[in-house]
C-alpha atoms as a PDB file:
ATOM      1  CA  MET A   1      75.838 -52.803 -68.762  1.00  0.00           C
ATOM      2  CA  THR A   2      73.868 -50.719 -71.182  1.00  0.00           C
ATOM      3  CA  ASN A   3      75.150 -49.315 -74.418  1.00  0.00           C
ATOM      4  CA  LYS A   4      75.118 -45.842 -72.882  1.00  0.00           C
ATOM      5  CA  GLU A   5      77.213 -46.880 -69.967  1.00  0.00           C
ATOM      6  CA  ILE A   6      79.703 -48.588 -72.303  1.00  0.00           C
ATOM      7  CA  LEU A   7      79.945 -45.420 -74.400  1.00  0.00           C
ATOM      8  CA  LYS A   8      80.600 -43.326 -71.319  1.00  0.00           C
ATOM      9  CA  LYS A   9      83.326 -45.615 -70.158  1.00  0.00           C
ATOM     10  CA  GLN A  10      84.963 -45.429 -73.640  1.00  0.00           C
ATOM     11  CA  ILE A  11      84.725 -41.677 -73.660  1.00  0.00           C
ATOM     12  CA  VAL A  12      86.191 -41.304 -70.104  1.00  0.00           C
ATOM     13  CA  PHE A  13      89.061 -43.691 -70.973  1.00  0.00           C
ATOM     14  CA  ARG A  14      89.848 -41.939 -74.252  1.00  0.00           C
ATOM     15  CA  SER A  15      89.608 -38.430 -72.731  1.00  0.00           C
ATOM     16  CA  MET A  16      92.219 -39.361 -70.063  1.00  0.00           C
ATOM     17  CA  HIS A  17      94.626 -41.290 -72.256  1.00  0.00           C
ATOM     18  CA  ARG A  18      95.360 -38.959 -75.144  1.00  0.00           C
ATOM     19  CA  GLY A  19      99.052 -38.757 -75.802  1.00  0.00           C
ATOM     20  CA  THR A  20      99.745 -35.259 -74.451  1.00  0.00           C
ATOM     21  CA  LYS A  21      99.476 -34.356 -70.825  1.00  0.00           C
ATOM     22  CA  GLU A  22      97.727 -31.070 -71.704  1.00  0.00           C
ATOM     23  CA  MET A  23      94.934 -32.771 -73.540  1.00  0.00           C
ATOM     24  CA  ASP A  24      94.653 -35.463 -70.927  1.00  0.00           C
ATOM     25  CA  LEU A  25      94.028 -32.759 -68.352  1.00  0.00           C
ATOM     26  CA  LEU A  26      91.734 -30.625 -70.458  1.00  0.00           C
ATOM     27  CA  LEU A  27      89.454 -33.335 -71.828  1.00  0.00           C
ATOM     28  CA  GLY A  28      89.711 -35.567 -68.827  1.00  0.00           C
ATOM     29  CA  ASN A  29      88.534 -32.930 -66.422  1.00  0.00           C
ATOM     30  CA  PHE A  30      85.816 -31.658 -68.852  1.00  0.00           C
ATOM     31  CA  VAL A  31      84.522 -35.204 -69.273  1.00  0.00           C
ATOM     32  CA  LYS A  32      84.574 -35.965 -65.548  1.00  0.00           C
ATOM     33  CA  LYS A  33      82.623 -32.845 -64.805  1.00  0.00           C
ATOM     34  CA  HIS A  34      79.969 -33.081 -67.457  1.00  0.00           C
ATOM     35  CA  ILE A  35      79.582 -36.630 -68.692  1.00  0.00           C
ATOM     36  CA  GLU A  36      76.553 -37.455 -66.507  1.00  0.00           C
ATOM     37  CA  GLU A  37      74.529 -34.510 -67.821  1.00  0.00           C
ATOM     38  CA  PHE A  38      74.792 -35.412 -71.485  1.00  0.00           C
ATOM     39  CA  SER A  39      72.026 -36.932 -73.497  1.00  0.00           C
ATOM     40  CA  ASP A  40      72.612 -39.793 -75.954  1.00  0.00           C
ATOM     41  CA  THR A  41      73.119 -37.357 -78.891  1.00  0.00           C
ATOM     42  CA  GLU A  42      75.469 -35.229 -76.827  1.00  0.00           C
ATOM     43  CA  LEU A  43      77.496 -38.294 -75.807  1.00  0.00           C
ATOM     44  CA  LYS A  44      77.877 -39.092 -79.529  1.00  0.00           C
ATOM     45  CA  ASP A  45      79.047 -35.505 -80.150  1.00  0.00           C
ATOM     46  CA  LEU A  46      81.511 -35.777 -77.296  1.00  0.00           C
ATOM     47  CA  GLN A  47      82.721 -39.166 -78.750  1.00  0.00           C
ATOM     48  CA  GLN A  48      83.527 -37.559 -82.040  1.00  0.00           C
ATOM     49  CA  ILE A  49      85.462 -34.842 -80.309  1.00  0.00           C
ATOM     50  CA  VAL A  50      87.566 -37.095 -78.034  1.00  0.00           C
ATOM     51  CA  PHE A  51      88.559 -39.244 -81.009  1.00  0.00           C
ATOM     52  CA  LEU A  52      90.079 -36.288 -82.832  1.00  0.00           C
ATOM     53  CA  GLU A  53      93.887 -35.985 -82.867  1.00  0.00           C
ATOM     54  CA  ASP A  54      95.421 -33.996 -80.038  1.00  0.00           C
ATOM     55  CA  GLU A  55      97.015 -31.494 -82.475  1.00  0.00           C
ATOM     56  CA  ILE A  56      93.696 -30.717 -84.002  1.00  0.00           C
ATOM     57  CA  LEU A  57      91.931 -30.288 -80.742  1.00  0.00           C
ATOM     58  CA  GLN A  58      94.708 -28.032 -79.347  1.00  0.00           C
ATOM     59  CA  LYS A  59      94.701 -25.790 -82.363  1.00  0.00           C
ATOM     60  CA  TRP A  60      90.923 -25.570 -82.246  1.00  0.00           C
ATOM     61  CA  TYR A  61      90.741 -24.943 -78.459  1.00  0.00           C
ATOM     62  CA  PHE A  62      93.519 -22.377 -78.276  1.00  0.00           C
ATOM     63  CA  GLU A  63      92.470 -20.926 -81.651  1.00  0.00           C
ATOM     64  CA  THR A  64      95.907 -21.061 -83.283  1.00  0.00           C
ATOM     65  CA  ASP A  65      94.601 -22.271 -86.679  1.00  0.00           C
ATOM     66  CA  SER A  66      91.589 -20.654 -88.246  1.00  0.00           C
ATOM     67  CA  LYS A  67      91.196 -23.485 -90.763  1.00  0.00           C
ATOM     68  CA  ILE A  68      90.273 -26.074 -88.225  1.00  0.00           C
ATOM     69  CA  TYR A  69      86.547 -26.590 -87.990  1.00  0.00           C
ATOM     70  CA  ILE A  70      84.805 -28.568 -85.384  1.00  0.00           C
ATOM     71  CA  PRO A  71      80.985 -28.623 -85.677  1.00  0.00           C
ATOM     72  CA  GLU A  72      79.298 -26.269 -83.338  1.00  0.00           C
ATOM     73  CA  THR A  73      77.203 -28.293 -80.919  1.00  0.00           C
ATOM     74  CA  LYS A  74      76.226 -27.824 -77.290  1.00  0.00           C
ATOM     75  CA  VAL A  75      79.194 -30.118 -76.308  1.00  0.00           C
ATOM     76  CA  SER A  76      81.773 -28.276 -78.442  1.00  0.00           C
ATOM     77  CA  LYS A  77      80.655 -24.930 -77.136  1.00  0.00           C
ATOM     78  CA  MET A  78      80.852 -26.181 -73.549  1.00  0.00           C
ATOM     79  CA  LEU A  79      84.378 -27.488 -74.161  1.00  0.00           C
ATOM     80  CA  LYS A  80      85.535 -24.288 -75.870  1.00  0.00           C
ATOM     81  CA  ASN A  81      84.371 -22.340 -72.847  1.00  0.00           C
ATOM     82  CA  PHE A  82      85.842 -24.865 -70.295  1.00  0.00           C
ATOM     83  CA  LYS A  83      88.661 -23.717 -68.126  1.00  0.00           C
ATOM     84  CA  PRO A  84      90.283 -26.592 -66.188  1.00  0.00           C
END
């Protein structure tokens, strides 16, 4: 198994085992839909996102806290526009 395949498996697992059902569904569906199209760099961006705490991601995704900053990358833009 290559390092890229291992990284993909880690991302898939973490995206579906979050702690809150809402984030399991949001991130899990997003990752399942897009993981195969991401480059190595984009996978690393995604890895950083999925390892953030649920509360931070929820506030960022639903724009309930303007102080939360997540770097603007192709992956974060795709996630922000994703509707499960």
